[in-house]
Structure formats: structure tokens, C-alpha cells
Amino acid sequence: MQALQKAQRFIDAANEQKQEEKLANAEEDVMAAIKMRPSTPVYPLASRRKDSVDRLQYSDETRRAIILLQRLIRGRADQNMMFEGKEKRLDLITELRATEEWRRQSELPEERMLIENY
């Protein structure tokens, strides 16, 4: 009887641990889905007095450089997301390519029908 109770406690502890892992994974999934990108900040132009023409030109160049840098970073983030998606689906891509290769090499109509159904 004690052996059964000990085994049951062990099973209960393992089930609780699995539940905690599921909750932790669920929270991570929710946080991953919420990723939001901040809006591009807008920088006010310097005053348009004659003595501040150099400052205005410098401010405009700085603003353009900031926007270019943000575009580059966001483009790289998109590339990384595409790469991660490709890596996740690499098995499916390989399977599709193999199926296409089998289709090209099949000579008998039965083989072609079997590949089409696959």
C-alpha cells in the first residue's frame, strides 16, 4: 500500500511539473504574439531664423540619418523573421522538393498516380 501511495505522489508531482511548464510556455507564446514595434519618432525642425540655417541643415541631416537607420534595422528584423520561418518549415520544404523530384523521375502511370495521391 505504501508503495502505491509513493508511486501516486511521484505521478502527481510529475503532472504538476508538466502543468507548470505548460503555463510557462503559454505565457511565452502570448508575449511573443504581442511584439509591437514603436512608432518612428518625429523630431521638430529648428527655428527658421537666418542665424540658425546651419543648425537647420544639421537637424535635417540627422533626422534623415535616423530614419535611414530605423529602416535598415526594421528590414533586417524582417529578414530574420523570414529566415526563422524558413528554418521552422525546412522539413516540409525538403519533402516538397523530394516529391517533385520523384514526380519527374517516375516512368510508370501507377507511380505517377501514387505520387499525386501522396
PDB file of N, CA and C in Angstrom:
ATOM      1  N   MET A   1       0.814  -1.186   0.000  1.00  0.00           N
ATOM      2  CA  MET A   1       0.000   0.000   0.000  1.00  0.00           C
ATOM      3  C   MET A   1       0.868   1.264   0.000  1.00  0.00           C
ATOM      4  N   GLN A   2       1.933   1.263   0.776  1.00  0.00           N
ATOM      5  CA  GLN A   2       2.829   2.419   0.828  1.00  0.00           C
ATOM      6  C   GLN A   2       3.527   2.634  -0.512  1.00  0.00           C
ATOM      7  N   ALA A   3       3.849   1.551  -1.188  1.00  0.00           N
ATOM      8  CA  ALA A   3       4.493   1.664  -2.490  1.00  0.00           C
ATOM      9  C   ALA A   3       3.549   2.333  -3.494  1.00  0.00           C
ATOM     10  N   LEU A   4       2.253   1.992  -3.419  1.00  0.00           N
ATOM     11  CA  LEU A   4       1.279   2.606  -4.312  1.00  0.00           C
ATOM     12  C   LEU A   4       1.130   4.095  -4.008  1.00  0.00           C
ATOM     13  N   GLN A   5       1.086   4.449  -2.736  1.00  0.00           N
ATOM     14  CA  GLN A   5       0.970   5.861  -2.372  1.00  0.00           C
ATOM     15  C   GLN A   5       2.203   6.652  -2.809  1.00  0.00           C
ATOM     16  N   LYS A   6       3.366   6.029  -2.662  1.00  0.00           N
ATOM     17  CA  LYS A   6       4.599   6.692  -3.077  1.00  0.00           C
ATOM     18  C   LYS A   6       4.594   6.902  -4.592  1.00  0.00           C
ATOM     19  N   ALA A   7       4.169   5.883  -5.329  1.00  0.00           N
ATOM     20  CA  ALA A   7       4.094   5.991  -6.782  1.00  0.00           C
ATOM     21  C   ALA A   7       3.085   7.068  -7.188  1.00  0.00           C
ATOM     22  N   GLN A   8       1.946   7.120  -6.485  1.00  0.00           N
ATOM     23  CA  GLN A   8       0.932   8.120  -6.803  1.00  0.00           C
ATOM     24  C   GLN A   8       1.450   9.535  -6.549  1.00  0.00           C
ATOM     25  N   ARG A   9       2.194   9.738  -5.459  1.00  0.00           N
ATOM     26  CA  ARG A   9       2.782  11.044  -5.171  1.00  0.00           C
ATOM     27  C   ARG A   9       3.773  11.443  -6.266  1.00  0.00           C
ATOM     28  N   PHE A  10       4.558  10.462  -6.715  1.00  0.00           N
ATOM     29  CA  PHE A  10       5.520  10.723  -7.781  1.00  0.00           C
ATOM     30  C   PHE A  10       4.803  11.142  -9.071  1.00  0.00           C
ATOM     31  N   ILE A  11       3.733  10.431  -9.391  1.00  0.00           N
ATOM     32  CA  ILE A  11       2.955  10.749 -10.595  1.00  0.00           C
ATOM     33  C   ILE A  11       2.309  12.126 -10.469  1.00  0.00           C
ATOM     34  N   ASP A  12       1.761  12.427  -9.292  1.00  0.00           N
ATOM     35  CA  ASP A  12       1.149  13.742  -9.076  1.00  0.00           C
ATOM     36  C   ASP A  12       2.182  14.865  -9.219  1.00  0.00           C
ATOM     37  N   ALA A  13       3.369  14.646  -8.664  1.00  0.00           N
ATOM     38  CA  ALA A  13       4.420  15.659  -8.760  1.00  0.00           C
ATOM     39  C   ALA A  13       4.821  15.872 -10.219  1.00  0.00           C
ATOM     40  N   ALA A  14       4.920  14.796 -10.992  1.00  0.00           N
ATOM     41  CA  ALA A  14       5.282  14.905 -12.402  1.00  0.00           C
ATOM     42  C   ALA A  14       4.189  15.652 -13.175  1.00  0.00           C
ATOM     43  N   ASN A  15       2.925  15.361 -12.874  1.00  0.00           N
ATOM     44  CA  ASN A  15       1.813  16.051 -13.536  1.00  0.00           C
ATOM     45  C   ASN A  15       1.802  17.539 -13.207  1.00  0.00           C
ATOM     46  N   GLU A  16       2.079  17.892 -11.945  1.00  0.00           N
ATOM     47  CA  GLU A  16       2.133  19.301 -11.552  1.00  0.00           C
ATOM     48  C   GLU A  16       3.256  20.023 -12.286  1.00  0.00           C
ATOM     49  N   GLN A  17       4.401  19.346 -12.416  1.00  0.00           N
ATOM     50  CA  GLN A  17       5.525  19.949 -13.123  1.00  0.00           C
ATOM     51  C   GLN A  17       5.166  20.190 -14.591  1.00  0.00           C
ATOM     52  N   LYS A  18       4.489  19.235 -15.221  1.00  0.00           N
ATOM     53  CA  LYS A  18       4.073  19.411 -16.614  1.00  0.00           C
ATOM     54  C   LYS A  18       3.094  20.576 -16.745  1.00  0.00           C
ATOM     55  N   GLN A  19       2.159  20.695 -15.789  1.00  0.00           N
ATOM     56  CA  GLN A  19       1.207  21.803 -15.827  1.00  0.00           C
ATOM     57  C   GLN A  19       1.920  23.151 -15.715  1.00  0.00           C
ATOM     58  N   GLU A  20       2.912  23.225 -14.818  1.00  0.00           N
ATOM     59  CA  GLU A  20       3.665  24.470 -14.660  1.00  0.00           C
ATOM     60  C   GLU A  20       4.419  24.814 -15.932  1.00  0.00           C
ATOM     61  N   GLU A  21       5.009  23.803 -16.599  1.00  0.00           N
ATOM     62  CA  GLU A  21       5.720  24.039 -17.853  1.00  0.00           C
ATOM     63  C   GLU A  21       4.757  24.525 -18.936  1.00  0.00           C
ATOM     64  N   LYS A  22       3.548  23.937 -18.980  1.00  0.00           N
ATOM     65  CA  LYS A  22       2.562  24.372 -19.962  1.00  0.00           C
ATOM     66  C   LYS A  22       2.161  25.819 -19.735  1.00  0.00           C
ATOM     67  N   LEU A  23       1.971  26.197 -18.474  1.00  0.00           N
ATOM     68  CA  LEU A  23       1.616  27.583 -18.166  1.00  0.00           C
ATOM     69  C   LEU A  23       2.739  28.539 -18.552  1.00  0.00           C
ATOM     70  N   ALA A  24       3.975  28.146 -18.274  1.00  0.00           N
ATOM     71  CA  ALA A  24       5.109  28.995 -18.625  1.00  0.00           C
ATOM     72  C   ALA A  24       5.210  29.145 -20.139  1.00  0.00           C
ATOM     73  N   ASN A  25       5.022  28.049 -20.866  1.00  0.00           N
ATOM     74  CA  ASN A  25       5.081  28.107 -22.329  1.00  0.00           C
ATOM     75  C   ASN A  25       3.937  28.945 -22.888  1.00  0.00           C
ATOM     76  N   ALA A  26       2.767  28.842 -22.276  1.00  0.00           N
ATOM     77  CA  ALA A  26       1.623  29.626 -22.738  1.00  0.00           C
ATOM     78  C   ALA A  26       1.887  31.117 -22.550  1.00  0.00           C
ATOM     79  N   GLU A  27       2.487  31.492 -21.430  1.00  0.00           N
ATOM     80  CA  GLU A  27       2.811  32.897 -21.195  1.00  0.00           C
ATOM     81  C   GLU A  27       3.835  33.399 -22.212  1.00  0.00           C
ATOM     82  N   GLU A  28       4.845  32.560 -22.528  1.00  0.00           N
ATOM     83  CA  GLU A  28       5.843  32.954 -23.516  1.00  0.00           C
ATOM     84  C   GLU A  28       5.200  33.122 -24.890  1.00  0.00           C
ATOM     85  N   ASP A  29       4.273  32.229 -25.256  1.00  0.00           N
ATOM     86  CA  ASP A  29       3.597  32.328 -26.543  1.00  0.00           C
ATOM     87  C   ASP A  29       2.782  33.613 -26.635  1.00  0.00           C
ATOM     88  N   VAL A  30       2.119  33.967 -25.552  1.00  0.00           N
ATOM     89  CA  VAL A  30       1.329  35.198 -25.544  1.00  0.00           C
ATOM     90  C   VAL A  30       2.245  36.400 -25.694  1.00  0.00           C
ATOM     91  N   MET A  31       3.359  36.410 -24.997  1.00  0.00           N
ATOM     92  CA  MET A  31       4.283  37.533 -25.077  1.00  0.00           C
ATOM     93  C   MET A  31       4.905  37.626 -26.466  1.00  0.00           C
ATOM     94  N   ALA A  32       5.174  36.487 -27.102  1.00  0.00           N
ATOM     95  CA  ALA A  32       5.741  36.501 -28.452  1.00  0.00           C
ATOM     96  C   ALA A  32       4.735  37.052 -29.453  1.00  0.00           C
ATOM     97  N   ALA A  33       3.458  36.792 -29.239  1.00  0.00           N
ATOM     98  CA  ALA A  33       2.423  37.268 -30.158  1.00  0.00           C
ATOM     99  C   ALA A  33       2.170  38.765 -30.001  1.00  0.00           C
ATOM    100  N   ILE A  34       2.545  39.342 -28.862  1.00  0.00           N
ATOM    101  CA  ILE A  34       2.246  40.739 -28.576  1.00  0.00           C
ATOM    102  C   ILE A  34       3.336  41.686 -29.087  1.00  0.00           C
ATOM    103  N   LYS A  35       4.429  41.164 -29.608  1.00  0.00           N
ATOM    104  CA  LYS A  35       5.529  42.019 -30.029  1.00  0.00           C
ATOM    105  C   LYS A  35       5.012  43.185 -30.865  1.00  0.00           C
ATOM    106  N   MET A  36       5.339  44.371 -30.407  1.00  0.00           N
ATOM    107  CA  MET A  36       4.916  45.568 -31.133  1.00  0.00           C
ATOM    108  C   MET A  36       6.135  46.447 -31.356  1.00  0.00           C
ATOM    109  N   ARG A  37       6.128  47.108 -32.463  1.00  0.00           N
ATOM    110  CA  ARG A  37       7.232  47.976 -32.820  1.00  0.00           C
ATOM    111  C   ARG A  37       6.842  49.408 -32.481  1.00  0.00           C
ATOM    112  N   PRO A  38       7.723  50.165 -31.843  1.00  0.00           N
ATOM    113  CA  PRO A  38       7.380  51.552 -31.520  1.00  0.00           C
ATOM    114  C   PRO A  38       7.314  52.390 -32.791  1.00  0.00           C
ATOM    115  N   SER A  39       6.543  53.447 -32.738  1.00  0.00           N
ATOM    116  CA  SER A  39       6.417  54.325 -33.903  1.00  0.00           C
ATOM    117  C   SER A  39       7.695  55.132 -34.083  1.00  0.00           C
ATOM    118  N   THR A  40       7.901  55.580 -35.288  1.00  0.00           N
ATOM    119  CA  THR A  40       9.075  56.382 -35.598  1.00  0.00           C
ATOM    120  C   THR A  40       8.918  57.755 -34.956  1.00  0.00           C
ATOM    121  N   PRO A  41       9.888  58.161 -34.155  1.00  0.00           N
ATOM    122  CA  PRO A  41       9.765  59.470 -33.507  1.00  0.00           C
ATOM    123  C   PRO A  41       9.891  60.603 -34.523  1.00  0.00           C
ATOM    124  N   VAL A  42       9.223  61.691 -34.250  1.00  0.00           N
ATOM    125  CA  VAL A  42       9.264  62.866 -35.107  1.00  0.00           C
ATOM    126  C   VAL A  42      10.061  63.936 -34.377  1.00  0.00           C
ATOM    127  N   TYR A  43      11.068  64.446 -35.048  1.00  0.00           N
ATOM    128  CA  TYR A  43      11.907  65.470 -34.441  1.00  0.00           C
ATOM    129  C   TYR A  43      11.507  66.838 -35.004  1.00  0.00           C
ATOM    130  N   PRO A  44      11.230  67.804 -34.140  1.00  0.00           N
ATOM    131  CA  PRO A  44      10.833  69.134 -34.628  1.00  0.00           C
ATOM    132  C   PRO A  44      12.016  69.834 -35.291  1.00  0.00           C
ATOM    133  N   LEU A  45      11.724  70.579 -36.330  1.00  0.00           N
ATOM    134  CA  LEU A  45      12.775  71.334 -37.002  1.00  0.00           C
ATOM    135  C   LEU A  45      13.186  72.521 -36.143  1.00  0.00           C
ATOM    136  N   ALA A  46      14.415  72.943 -36.318  1.00  0.00           N
ATOM    137  CA  ALA A  46      14.907  74.101 -35.563  1.00  0.00           C
ATOM    138  C   ALA A  46      14.184  75.358 -36.043  1.00  0.00           C
ATOM    139  N   SER A  47      14.276  76.386 -35.258  1.00  0.00           N
ATOM    140  CA  SER A  47      13.613  77.636 -35.654  1.00  0.00           C
ATOM    141  C   SER A  47      14.211  78.133 -36.968  1.00  0.00           C
ATOM    142  N   ARG A  48      13.431  78.854 -37.736  1.00  0.00           N
ATOM    143  CA  ARG A  48      13.829  79.234 -39.088  1.00  0.00           C
ATOM    144  C   ARG A  48      14.447  80.647 -39.148  1.00  0.00           C
ATOM    145  N   ARG A  49      15.194  80.994 -38.155  1.00  0.00           N
ATOM    146  CA  ARG A  49      15.891  82.277 -38.207  1.00  0.00           C
ATOM    147  C   ARG A  49      17.127  82.148 -39.092  1.00  0.00           C
ATOM    148  N   LYS A  50      17.614  83.279 -39.609  1.00  0.00           N
ATOM    149  CA  LYS A  50      18.757  83.246 -40.519  1.00  0.00           C
ATOM    150  C   LYS A  50      20.021  82.739 -39.844  1.00  0.00           C
ATOM    151  N   ASP A  51      20.188  83.019 -38.561  1.00  0.00           N
ATOM    152  CA  ASP A  51      21.403  82.593 -37.878  1.00  0.00           C
ATOM    153  C   ASP A  51      21.390  81.092 -37.550  1.00  0.00           C
ATOM    154  N   SER A  52      20.265  80.435 -37.744  1.00  0.00           N
ATOM    155  CA  SER A  52      20.194  79.013 -37.422  1.00  0.00           C
ATOM    156  C   SER A  52      20.078  78.126 -38.662  1.00  0.00           C
ATOM    157  N   VAL A  53      20.531  78.641 -39.808  1.00  0.00           N
ATOM    158  CA  VAL A  53      20.461  77.862 -41.049  1.00  0.00           C
ATOM    159  C   VAL A  53      21.343  76.628 -40.945  1.00  0.00           C
ATOM    160  N   ASP A  54      22.527  76.769 -40.386  1.00  0.00           N
ATOM    161  CA  ASP A  54      23.417  75.623 -40.227  1.00  0.00           C
ATOM    162  C   ASP A  54      22.804  74.583 -39.296  1.00  0.00           C
ATOM    163  N   ARG A  55      22.189  75.061 -38.224  1.00  0.00           N
ATOM    164  CA  ARG A  55      21.545  74.148 -37.286  1.00  0.00           C
ATOM    165  C   ARG A  55      20.377  73.409 -37.955  1.00  0.00           C
ATOM    166  N   LEU A  56      19.637  74.107 -38.796  1.00  0.00           N
ATOM    167  CA  LEU A  56      18.515  73.513 -39.512  1.00  0.00           C
ATOM    168  C   LEU A  56      19.004  72.428 -40.470  1.00  0.00           C
ATOM    169  N   GLN A  57      20.072  72.724 -41.192  1.00  0.00           N
ATOM    170  CA  GLN A  57      20.624  71.740 -42.119  1.00  0.00           C
ATOM    171  C   GLN A  57      21.146  70.531 -41.349  1.00  0.00           C
ATOM    172  N   TYR A  58      21.841  70.768 -40.253  1.00  0.00           N
ATOM    173  CA  TYR A  58      22.345  69.668 -39.429  1.00  0.00           C
ATOM    174  C   TYR A  58      21.187  68.837 -38.876  1.00  0.00           C
ATOM    175  N   SER A  59      20.125  69.503 -38.433  1.00  0.00           N
ATOM    176  CA  SER A  59      18.965  68.802 -37.883  1.00  0.00           C
ATOM    177  C   SER A  59      18.298  67.944 -38.955  1.00  0.00           C
ATOM    178  N   ASP A  60      18.185  68.459 -40.165  1.00  0.00           N
ATOM    179  CA  ASP A  60      17.565  67.710 -41.259  1.00  0.00           C
ATOM    180  C   ASP A  60      18.407  66.485 -41.616  1.00  0.00           C
ATOM    181  N   GLU A  61      19.718  66.650 -41.671  1.00  0.00           N
ATOM    182  CA  GLU A  61      20.601  65.524 -41.966  1.00  0.00           C
ATOM    183  C   GLU A  61      20.521  64.466 -40.864  1.00  0.00           C
ATOM    184  N   THR A  62      20.458  64.923 -39.637  1.00  0.00           N
ATOM    185  CA  THR A  62      20.349  63.989 -38.509  1.00  0.00           C
ATOM    186  C   THR A  62      19.039  63.219 -38.581  1.00  0.00           C
ATOM    187  N   ARG A  63      17.952  63.922 -38.882  1.00  0.00           N
ATOM    188  CA  ARG A  63      16.646  63.268 -38.981  1.00  0.00           C
ATOM    189  C   ARG A  63      16.653  62.218 -40.083  1.00  0.00           C
ATOM    190  N   ARG A  64      17.219  62.565 -41.230  1.00  0.00           N
ATOM    191  CA  ARG A  64      17.291  61.611 -42.334  1.00  0.00           C
ATOM    192  C   ARG A  64      18.143  60.391 -41.975  1.00  0.00           C
ATOM    193  N   ALA A  65      19.253  60.627 -41.291  1.00  0.00           N
ATOM    194  CA  ALA A  65      20.118  59.524 -40.879  1.00  0.00           C
ATOM    195  C   ALA A  65      19.394  58.604 -39.896  1.00  0.00           C
ATOM    196  N   ILE A  66      18.642  59.177 -38.987  1.00  0.00           N
ATOM    197  CA  ILE A  66      17.897  58.381 -38.011  1.00  0.00           C
ATOM    198  C   ILE A  66      16.850  57.528 -38.707  1.00  0.00           C
ATOM    199  N   ILE A  67      16.128  58.124 -39.641  1.00  0.00           N
ATOM    200  CA  ILE A  67      15.086  57.381 -40.359  1.00  0.00           C
ATOM    201  C   ILE A  67      15.703  56.260 -41.195  1.00  0.00           C
ATOM    202  N   LEU A  68      16.842  56.539 -41.846  1.00  0.00           N
ATOM    203  CA  LEU A  68      17.520  55.503 -42.631  1.00  0.00           C
ATOM    204  C   LEU A  68      17.954  54.351 -41.734  1.00  0.00           C
ATOM    205  N   LEU A  69      18.520  54.671 -40.591  1.00  0.00           N
ATOM    206  CA  LEU A  69      18.953  53.633 -39.653  1.00  0.00           C
ATOM    207  C   LEU A  69      17.770  52.796 -39.180  1.00  0.00           C
ATOM    208  N   GLN A  70      16.653  53.424 -38.879  1.00  0.00           N
ATOM    209  CA  GLN A  70      15.460  52.685 -38.458  1.00  0.00           C
ATOM    210  C   GLN A  70      14.960  51.769 -39.567  1.00  0.00           C
ATOM    211  N   ARG A  71      14.965  52.250 -40.797  1.00  0.00           N
ATOM    212  CA  ARG A  71      14.523  51.417 -41.921  1.00  0.00           C
ATOM    213  C   ARG A  71      15.435  50.209 -42.096  1.00  0.00           C
ATOM    214  N   LEU A  72      16.740  50.419 -41.957  1.00  0.00           N
ATOM    215  CA  LEU A  72      17.684  49.314 -42.083  1.00  0.00           C
ATOM    216  C   LEU A  72      17.479  48.269 -40.986  1.00  0.00           C
ATOM    217  N   ILE A  73      17.282  48.736 -39.767  1.00  0.00           N
ATOM    218  CA  ILE A  73      17.080  47.812 -38.648  1.00  0.00           C
ATOM    219  C   ILE A  73      15.784  47.036 -38.826  1.00  0.00           C
ATOM    220  N   ARG A  74      14.712  47.716 -39.232  1.00  0.00           N
ATOM    221  CA  ARG A  74      13.435  47.023 -39.436  1.00  0.00           C
ATOM    222  C   ARG A  74      13.514  46.042 -40.598  1.00  0.00           C
ATOM    223  N   GLY A  75      14.231  46.401 -41.642  1.00  0.00           N
ATOM    224  CA  GLY A  75      14.414  45.477 -42.762  1.00  0.00           C
ATOM    225  C   GLY A  75      15.168  44.237 -42.331  1.00  0.00           C
ATOM    226  N   ARG A  76      16.177  44.427 -41.516  1.00  0.00           N
ATOM    227  CA  ARG A  76      16.948  43.279 -41.014  1.00  0.00           C
ATOM    228  C   ARG A  76      16.088  42.415 -40.100  1.00  0.00           C
ATOM    229  N   ALA A  77      15.225  43.026 -39.310  1.00  0.00           N
ATOM    230  CA  ALA A  77      14.314  42.258 -38.449  1.00  0.00           C
ATOM    231  C   ALA A  77      13.372  41.414 -39.307  1.00  0.00           C
ATOM    232  N   ASP A  78      12.878  41.983 -40.402  1.00  0.00           N
ATOM    233  CA  ASP A  78      12.018  41.214 -41.312  1.00  0.00           C
ATOM    234  C   ASP A  78      12.785  40.046 -41.922  1.00  0.00           C
ATOM    235  N   GLN A  79      14.040  40.278 -42.298  1.00  0.00           N
ATOM    236  CA  GLN A  79      14.852  39.198 -42.846  1.00  0.00           C
ATOM    237  C   GLN A  79      15.027  38.081 -41.825  1.00  0.00           C
ATOM    238  N   ASN A  80      15.270  38.448 -40.589  1.00  0.00           N
ATOM    239  CA  ASN A  80      15.436  37.434 -39.537  1.00  0.00           C
ATOM    240  C   ASN A  80      14.158  36.635 -39.337  1.00  0.00           C
ATOM    241  N   MET A  81      13.000  37.301 -39.372  1.00  0.00           N
ATOM    242  CA  MET A  81      11.730  36.584 -39.228  1.00  0.00           C
ATOM    243  C   MET A  81      11.518  35.621 -40.383  1.00  0.00           C
ATOM    244  N   MET A  82      11.849  36.034 -41.603  1.00  0.00           N
ATOM    245  CA  MET A  82      11.718  35.154 -42.765  1.00  0.00           C
ATOM    246  C   MET A  82      12.647  33.945 -42.625  1.00  0.00           C
ATOM    247  N   PHE A  83      13.867  34.176 -42.176  1.00  0.00           N
ATOM    248  CA  PHE A  83      14.826  33.089 -42.017  1.00  0.00           C
ATOM    249  C   PHE A  83      14.347  32.094 -40.960  1.00  0.00           C
ATOM    250  N   GLU A  84      13.840  32.600 -39.834  1.00  0.00           N
ATOM    251  CA  GLU A  84      13.328  31.718 -38.783  1.00  0.00           C
ATOM    252  C   GLU A  84      12.151  30.896 -39.289  1.00  0.00           C
ATOM    253  N   GLY A  85      11.265  31.513 -40.059  1.00  0.00           N
ATOM    254  CA  GLY A  85      10.133  30.786 -40.621  1.00  0.00           C
ATOM    255  C   GLY A  85      10.585  29.709 -41.578  1.00  0.00           C
ATOM    256  N   LYS A  86      11.593  30.025 -42.382  1.00  0.00           N
ATOM    257  CA  LYS A  86      12.124  29.026 -43.311  1.00  0.00           C
ATOM    258  C   LYS A  86      12.753  27.858 -42.552  1.00  0.00           C
ATOM    259  N   GLU A  87      13.490  28.156 -41.509  1.00  0.00           N
ATOM    260  CA  GLU A  87      14.121  27.103 -40.720  1.00  0.00           C
ATOM    261  C   GLU A  87      13.083  26.206 -40.045  1.00  0.00           C
ATOM    262  N   LYS A  88      11.977  26.799 -39.581  1.00  0.00           N
ATOM    263  CA  LYS A  88      10.928  26.007 -38.942  1.00  0.00           C
ATOM    264  C   LYS A  88      10.277  25.059 -39.926  1.00  0.00           C
ATOM    265  N   ARG A  89      10.163  25.463 -41.179  1.00  0.00           N
ATOM    266  CA  ARG A  89       9.455  24.676 -42.197  1.00  0.00           C
ATOM    267  C   ARG A  89      10.399  23.956 -43.144  1.00  0.00           C
ATOM    268  N   LEU A  90      11.667  23.815 -42.762  1.00  0.00           N
ATOM    269  CA  LEU A  90      12.654  23.207 -43.640  1.00  0.00           C
ATOM    270  C   LEU A  90      12.308  21.764 -43.994  1.00  0.00           C
ATOM    271  N   ASP A  91      11.756  21.008 -43.046  1.00  0.00           N
ATOM    272  CA  ASP A  91      11.373  19.626 -43.323  1.00  0.00           C
ATOM    273  C   ASP A  91      10.291  19.569 -44.402  1.00  0.00           C
ATOM    274  N   LEU A  92       9.312  20.439 -44.306  1.00  0.00           N
ATOM    275  CA  LEU A  92       8.241  20.470 -45.299  1.00  0.00           C
ATOM    276  C   LEU A  92       8.781  20.870 -46.674  1.00  0.00           C
ATOM    277  N   ILE A  93       9.668  21.848 -46.709  1.00  0.00           N
ATOM    278  CA  ILE A  93      10.262  22.271 -47.975  1.00  0.00           C
ATOM    279  C   ILE A  93      11.040  21.124 -48.607  1.00  0.00           C
ATOM    280  N   THR A  94      11.821  20.407 -47.806  1.00  0.00           N
ATOM    281  CA  THR A  94      12.584  19.266 -48.307  1.00  0.00           C
ATOM    282  C   THR A  94      11.652  18.190 -48.841  1.00  0.00           C
ATOM    283  N   GLU A  95      10.571  17.917 -48.136  1.00  0.00           N
ATOM    284  CA  GLU A  95       9.617  16.908 -48.578  1.00  0.00           C
ATOM    285  C   GLU A  95       8.968  17.305 -49.901  1.00  0.00           C
ATOM    286  N   LEU A  96       8.600  18.567 -50.056  1.00  0.00           N
ATOM    287  CA  LEU A  96       8.009  19.033 -51.312  1.00  0.00           C
ATOM    288  C   LEU A  96       8.991  18.918 -52.476  1.00  0.00           C
ATOM    289  N   ARG A  97      10.239  19.265 -52.226  1.00  0.00           N
ATOM    290  CA  ARG A  97      11.249  19.147 -53.279  1.00  0.00           C
ATOM    291  C   ARG A  97      11.474  17.685 -53.664  1.00  0.00           C
ATOM    292  N   ALA A  98      11.510  16.797 -52.668  1.00  0.00           N
ATOM    293  CA  ALA A  98      11.698  15.374 -52.951  1.00  0.00           C
ATOM    294  C   ALA A  98      10.518  14.825 -53.748  1.00  0.00           C
ATOM    295  N   THR A  99       9.309  15.221 -53.395  1.00  0.00           N
ATOM    296  CA  THR A  99       8.126  14.765 -54.123  1.00  0.00           C
ATOM    297  C   THR A  99       8.168  15.234 -55.570  1.00  0.00           C
ATOM    298  N   GLU A 100       8.596  16.450 -55.792  1.00  0.00           N
ATOM    299  CA  GLU A 100       8.697  16.968 -57.157  1.00  0.00           C
ATOM    300  C   GLU A 100       9.749  16.191 -57.948  1.00  0.00           C
ATOM    301  N   GLU A 101      10.851  15.860 -57.308  1.00  0.00           N
ATOM    302  CA  GLU A 101      11.898  15.076 -57.966  1.00  0.00           C
ATOM    303  C   GLU A 101      11.397  13.670 -58.301  1.00  0.00           C
ATOM    304  N   TRP A 102      10.655  13.048 -57.393  1.00  0.00           N
ATOM    305  CA  TRP A 102      10.091  11.710 -57.665  1.00  0.00           C
ATOM    306  C   TRP A 102       9.128  11.785 -58.848  1.00  0.00           C
ATOM    307  N   ARG A 103       8.343  12.855 -58.890  1.00  0.00           N
ATOM    308  CA  ARG A 103       7.374  13.015 -59.971  1.00  0.00           C
ATOM    309  C   ARG A 103       8.092  13.095 -61.318  1.00  0.00           C
ATOM    310  N   ARG A 104       9.208  13.817 -61.378  1.00  0.00           N
ATOM    311  CA  ARG A 104       9.963  13.935 -62.622  1.00  0.00           C
ATOM    312  C   ARG A 104      10.575  12.611 -63.049  1.00  0.00           C
ATOM    313  N   GLN A 105      11.005  11.813 -62.083  1.00  0.00           N
ATOM    314  CA  GLN A 105      11.694  10.568 -62.399  1.00  0.00           C
ATOM    315  C   GLN A 105      10.760   9.387 -62.622  1.00  0.00           C
ATOM    316  N   SER A 106       9.500   9.508 -62.264  1.00  0.00           N
ATOM    317  CA  SER A 106       8.585   8.381 -62.416  1.00  0.00           C
ATOM    318  C   SER A 106       8.290   8.137 -63.889  1.00  0.00           C
ATOM    319  N   GLU A 107       8.278   6.859 -64.257  1.00  0.00           N
ATOM    320  CA  GLU A 107       8.048   6.493 -65.644  1.00  0.00           C
ATOM    321  C   GLU A 107       6.701   5.803 -65.832  1.00  0.00           C
ATOM    322  N   LEU A 108       6.272   5.048 -64.839  1.00  0.00           N
ATOM    323  CA  LEU A 108       5.026   4.311 -64.954  1.00  0.00           C
ATOM    324  C   LEU A 108       3.847   5.167 -64.508  1.00  0.00           C
ATOM    325  N   PRO A 109       2.685   5.001 -65.147  1.00  0.00           N
ATOM    326  CA  PRO A 109       1.497   5.764 -64.732  1.00  0.00           C
ATOM    327  C   PRO A 109       1.059   5.452 -63.309  1.00  0.00           C
ATOM    328  N   GLU A 110       1.289   4.211 -62.857  1.00  0.00           N
ATOM    329  CA  GLU A 110       0.922   3.851 -61.477  1.00  0.00           C
ATOM    330  C   GLU A 110       1.760   4.638 -60.474  1.00  0.00           C
ATOM    331  N   GLU A 111       3.049   4.787 -60.777  1.00  0.00           N
ATOM    332  CA  GLU A 111       3.927   5.556 -59.886  1.00  0.00           C
ATOM    333  C   GLU A 111       3.481   7.022 -59.830  1.00  0.00           C
ATOM    334  N   ARG A 112       3.167   7.572 -60.996  1.00  0.00           N
ATOM    335  CA  ARG A 112       2.728   8.969 -61.034  1.00  0.00           C
ATOM    336  C   ARG A 112       1.446   9.178 -60.240  1.00  0.00           C
ATOM    337  N   MET A 113       0.502   8.229 -60.366  1.00  0.00           N
ATOM    338  CA  MET A 113      -0.750   8.340 -59.628  1.00  0.00           C
ATOM    339  C   MET A 113      -0.494   8.246 -58.124  1.00  0.00           C
ATOM    340  N   LEU A 114       0.387   7.341 -57.727  1.00  0.00           N
ATOM    341  CA  LEU A 114       0.717   7.183 -56.317  1.00  0.00           C
ATOM    342  C   LEU A 114       1.362   8.455 -55.778  1.00  0.00           C
ATOM    343  N   ILE A 115       2.258   9.054 -56.549  1.00  0.00           N
ATOM    344  CA  ILE A 115       2.922  10.301 -56.113  1.00  0.00           C
ATOM    345  C   ILE A 115       1.910  11.432 -56.051  1.00  0.00           C
ATOM    346  N   GLU A 116       1.014  11.535 -56.990  1.00  0.00           N
ATOM    347  CA  GLU A 116      -0.005  12.565 -56.978  1.00  0.00           C
ATOM    348  C   GLU A 116      -0.901  12.439 -55.735  1.00  0.00           C
ATOM    349  N   ASN A 117      -1.243  11.204 -55.384  1.00  0.00           N
ATOM    350  CA  ASN A 117      -2.066  10.995 -54.181  1.00  0.00           C
ATOM    351  C   ASN A 117      -1.311  11.311 -52.918  1.00  0.00           C
ATOM    352  N   TYR A 118      -0.002  11.073 -52.932  1.00  0.00           N
ATOM    353  CA  TYR A 118       0.817  11.361 -51.751  1.00  0.00           C
ATOM    354  C   TYR A 118       0.825  12.846 -51.496  1.00  0.00           C
TER     355      TYR A 118
END
